[in-house]
Protein backbone atom coordinates (compact mmCIF):
# COMPACT_ATOMS: atom_id res chain seq x y z
CA MET A 1 -130.87 37.05 3.66
CA ASP A 2 -130.45 39.01 6.87
CA VAL A 3 -127.42 41.25 6.43
CA THR A 4 -125.98 42.22 9.80
CA GLN A 5 -122.97 44.20 8.64
CA THR A 6 -121.59 45.76 5.47
CA ALA A 7 -117.97 46.10 4.39
CA ILE A 8 -116.57 47.58 1.20
CA ARG A 9 -113.17 46.24 0.14
CA LEU A 10 -111.17 48.77 -1.84
CA ASN A 11 -107.98 47.28 -3.26
CA SER A 12 -105.20 49.63 -4.29
CA PRO A 13 -101.75 49.48 -5.88
CA ASN A 14 -100.71 51.91 -3.12
CA PRO A 15 -102.81 51.19 -0.02
CA SER A 16 -100.70 53.40 2.28
CA ARG A 17 -101.39 56.47 0.17
CA LEU A 18 -105.10 55.65 -0.14
CA ARG A 19 -105.47 54.98 3.60
CA ALA A 20 -103.85 58.34 4.36
CA PHE A 21 -106.30 60.08 2.01
CA TYR A 22 -109.39 58.54 3.61
CA ARG A 23 -108.03 59.18 7.11
CA GLU A 24 -106.42 62.61 6.77
CA VAL A 25 -108.29 64.29 3.91
CA LEU A 26 -111.78 62.83 4.18
CA GLY A 27 -111.52 62.40 7.94
CA LEU A 28 -112.96 58.89 8.23
CA ARG A 29 -112.63 57.21 11.60
CA THR A 30 -110.24 54.27 11.65
CA ALA A 31 -111.08 50.91 13.21
CA PRO A 32 -107.60 49.63 14.17
CA GLU A 33 -109.09 46.87 16.29
CA LEU A 34 -110.31 45.32 13.03
CA GLY A 35 -106.99 45.62 11.21
CA ASP A 36 -104.83 48.02 9.25
CA GLY A 37 -106.76 49.95 6.66
CA MET A 38 -110.18 49.54 8.30
CA PHE A 39 -112.48 52.57 8.55
CA ARG A 40 -115.88 52.89 10.20
CA LEU A 41 -118.76 54.01 8.00
CA GLY A 42 -121.52 54.46 10.54
CA ALA A 43 -122.47 51.93 13.20
CA ASP A 44 -122.16 48.62 11.33
CA SER A 45 -120.44 49.38 8.04
CA PHE A 46 -116.75 49.45 7.16
CA LEU A 47 -114.32 50.38 4.42
CA ASP A 48 -111.31 48.07 4.11
CA ILE A 49 -108.39 49.43 2.07
CA ASP A 50 -105.79 46.83 1.17
CA ALA A 51 -103.39 45.69 -1.55
CA HIS A 52 -104.13 43.09 -4.20
CA GLU A 53 -101.65 41.64 -6.67
CA GLY A 54 -104.12 42.01 -9.54
CA VAL A 55 -104.67 45.76 -9.09
CA ARG A 56 -102.55 48.07 -11.21
CA GLY A 57 -102.89 51.77 -12.01
CA PRO A 58 -105.93 53.98 -11.51
CA ALA A 59 -109.55 52.80 -11.53
CA ASP A 60 -110.47 51.99 -15.15
CA GLU A 61 -114.20 52.72 -14.83
CA PRO A 62 -114.73 54.86 -11.73
CA GLN A 63 -118.40 55.39 -12.58
CA ARG A 64 -119.04 51.66 -12.16
CA ARG A 65 -118.23 51.55 -8.43
CA VAL A 66 -119.08 54.65 -6.42
CA ILE A 67 -118.58 54.84 -2.68
CA GLU A 68 -121.47 56.86 -1.29
CA LEU A 69 -121.11 58.54 2.09
CA GLY A 70 -124.06 60.20 3.79
CA VAL A 71 -123.08 63.52 5.39
CA ALA A 72 -124.96 66.33 7.15
CA ASP A 73 -123.62 69.15 4.91
CA THR A 74 -122.38 68.36 1.40
CA ALA A 75 -121.53 71.98 0.60
CA GLY A 76 -119.43 72.39 3.74
CA GLN A 77 -117.64 69.09 3.21
CA ARG A 78 -116.97 69.90 -0.44
CA ARG A 79 -115.40 73.26 0.48
CA ARG A 80 -113.27 71.63 3.21
CA ILE A 81 -112.07 68.79 0.98
CA ALA A 82 -111.56 70.95 -2.14
CA ALA A 83 -109.33 73.27 -0.07
CA ARG A 84 -107.01 70.25 0.29
CA GLY A 85 -106.63 70.09 -3.51
CA VAL A 86 -109.07 67.23 -4.14
CA ARG A 87 -110.72 67.20 -7.57
CA PHE A 88 -114.51 67.06 -7.79
CA VAL A 89 -116.21 65.69 -10.91
CA ARG A 90 -119.61 66.87 -9.72
CA GLU A 91 -120.19 70.04 -7.74
CA ASP A 92 -123.03 70.46 -5.25
CA GLU A 93 -126.34 69.72 -6.93
CA THR A 94 -129.83 69.10 -5.63
CA GLU A 95 -131.40 65.91 -6.97
CA ALA A 96 -135.08 65.52 -7.93
CA TRP A 97 -135.64 63.68 -4.64
CA ALA A 98 -134.44 66.88 -2.86
CA GLY A 99 -131.12 65.51 -1.62
CA ALA A 100 -127.81 67.29 -2.24
CA VAL A 101 -124.87 65.44 -3.82
CA CYS A 102 -121.30 66.05 -4.98
CA THR A 103 -118.67 63.61 -6.22
CA LEU A 104 -114.91 63.64 -5.66
CA VAL A 105 -112.04 61.54 -6.99
CA ASP A 106 -109.68 59.70 -4.60
CA PRO A 107 -105.94 59.19 -5.38
CA ASP A 108 -106.66 55.88 -7.16
CA GLY A 109 -109.30 57.47 -9.40
CA ASN A 110 -112.29 56.00 -7.53
CA TYR A 111 -115.40 58.13 -7.23
CA VAL A 112 -116.70 59.05 -3.78
CA ARG A 113 -120.14 60.61 -3.68
CA LEU A 114 -121.16 62.72 -0.70
CA THR A 115 -124.92 62.71 -0.17
CA GLN A 116 -127.07 64.83 2.10
CA TRP A 117 -130.55 63.36 2.50
């Protein structure tokens, strides 16, 4: 299989609130030419936040699906985002492979891991 593009679909009971979080708090770039709720994750990857009739309440197992975003400075991003009142379930730590990681919780209870390679 030759994958040419990646998209993550994140369904929410309140997509407007979740879109605002990813846009205004995390600072992801929107891709309005691709539709409402579309965000660019690098050159050829996207996050699509939408509604789904089967989604209710917060994420039941947030550890199962983790959105991982590569950033240049995890510590700086964590300070910036935490200042906006966002809860982190994992503070800055250096992994055995020498990368830095921290994990935050979005308004729906999903985990978002920031990774600095």
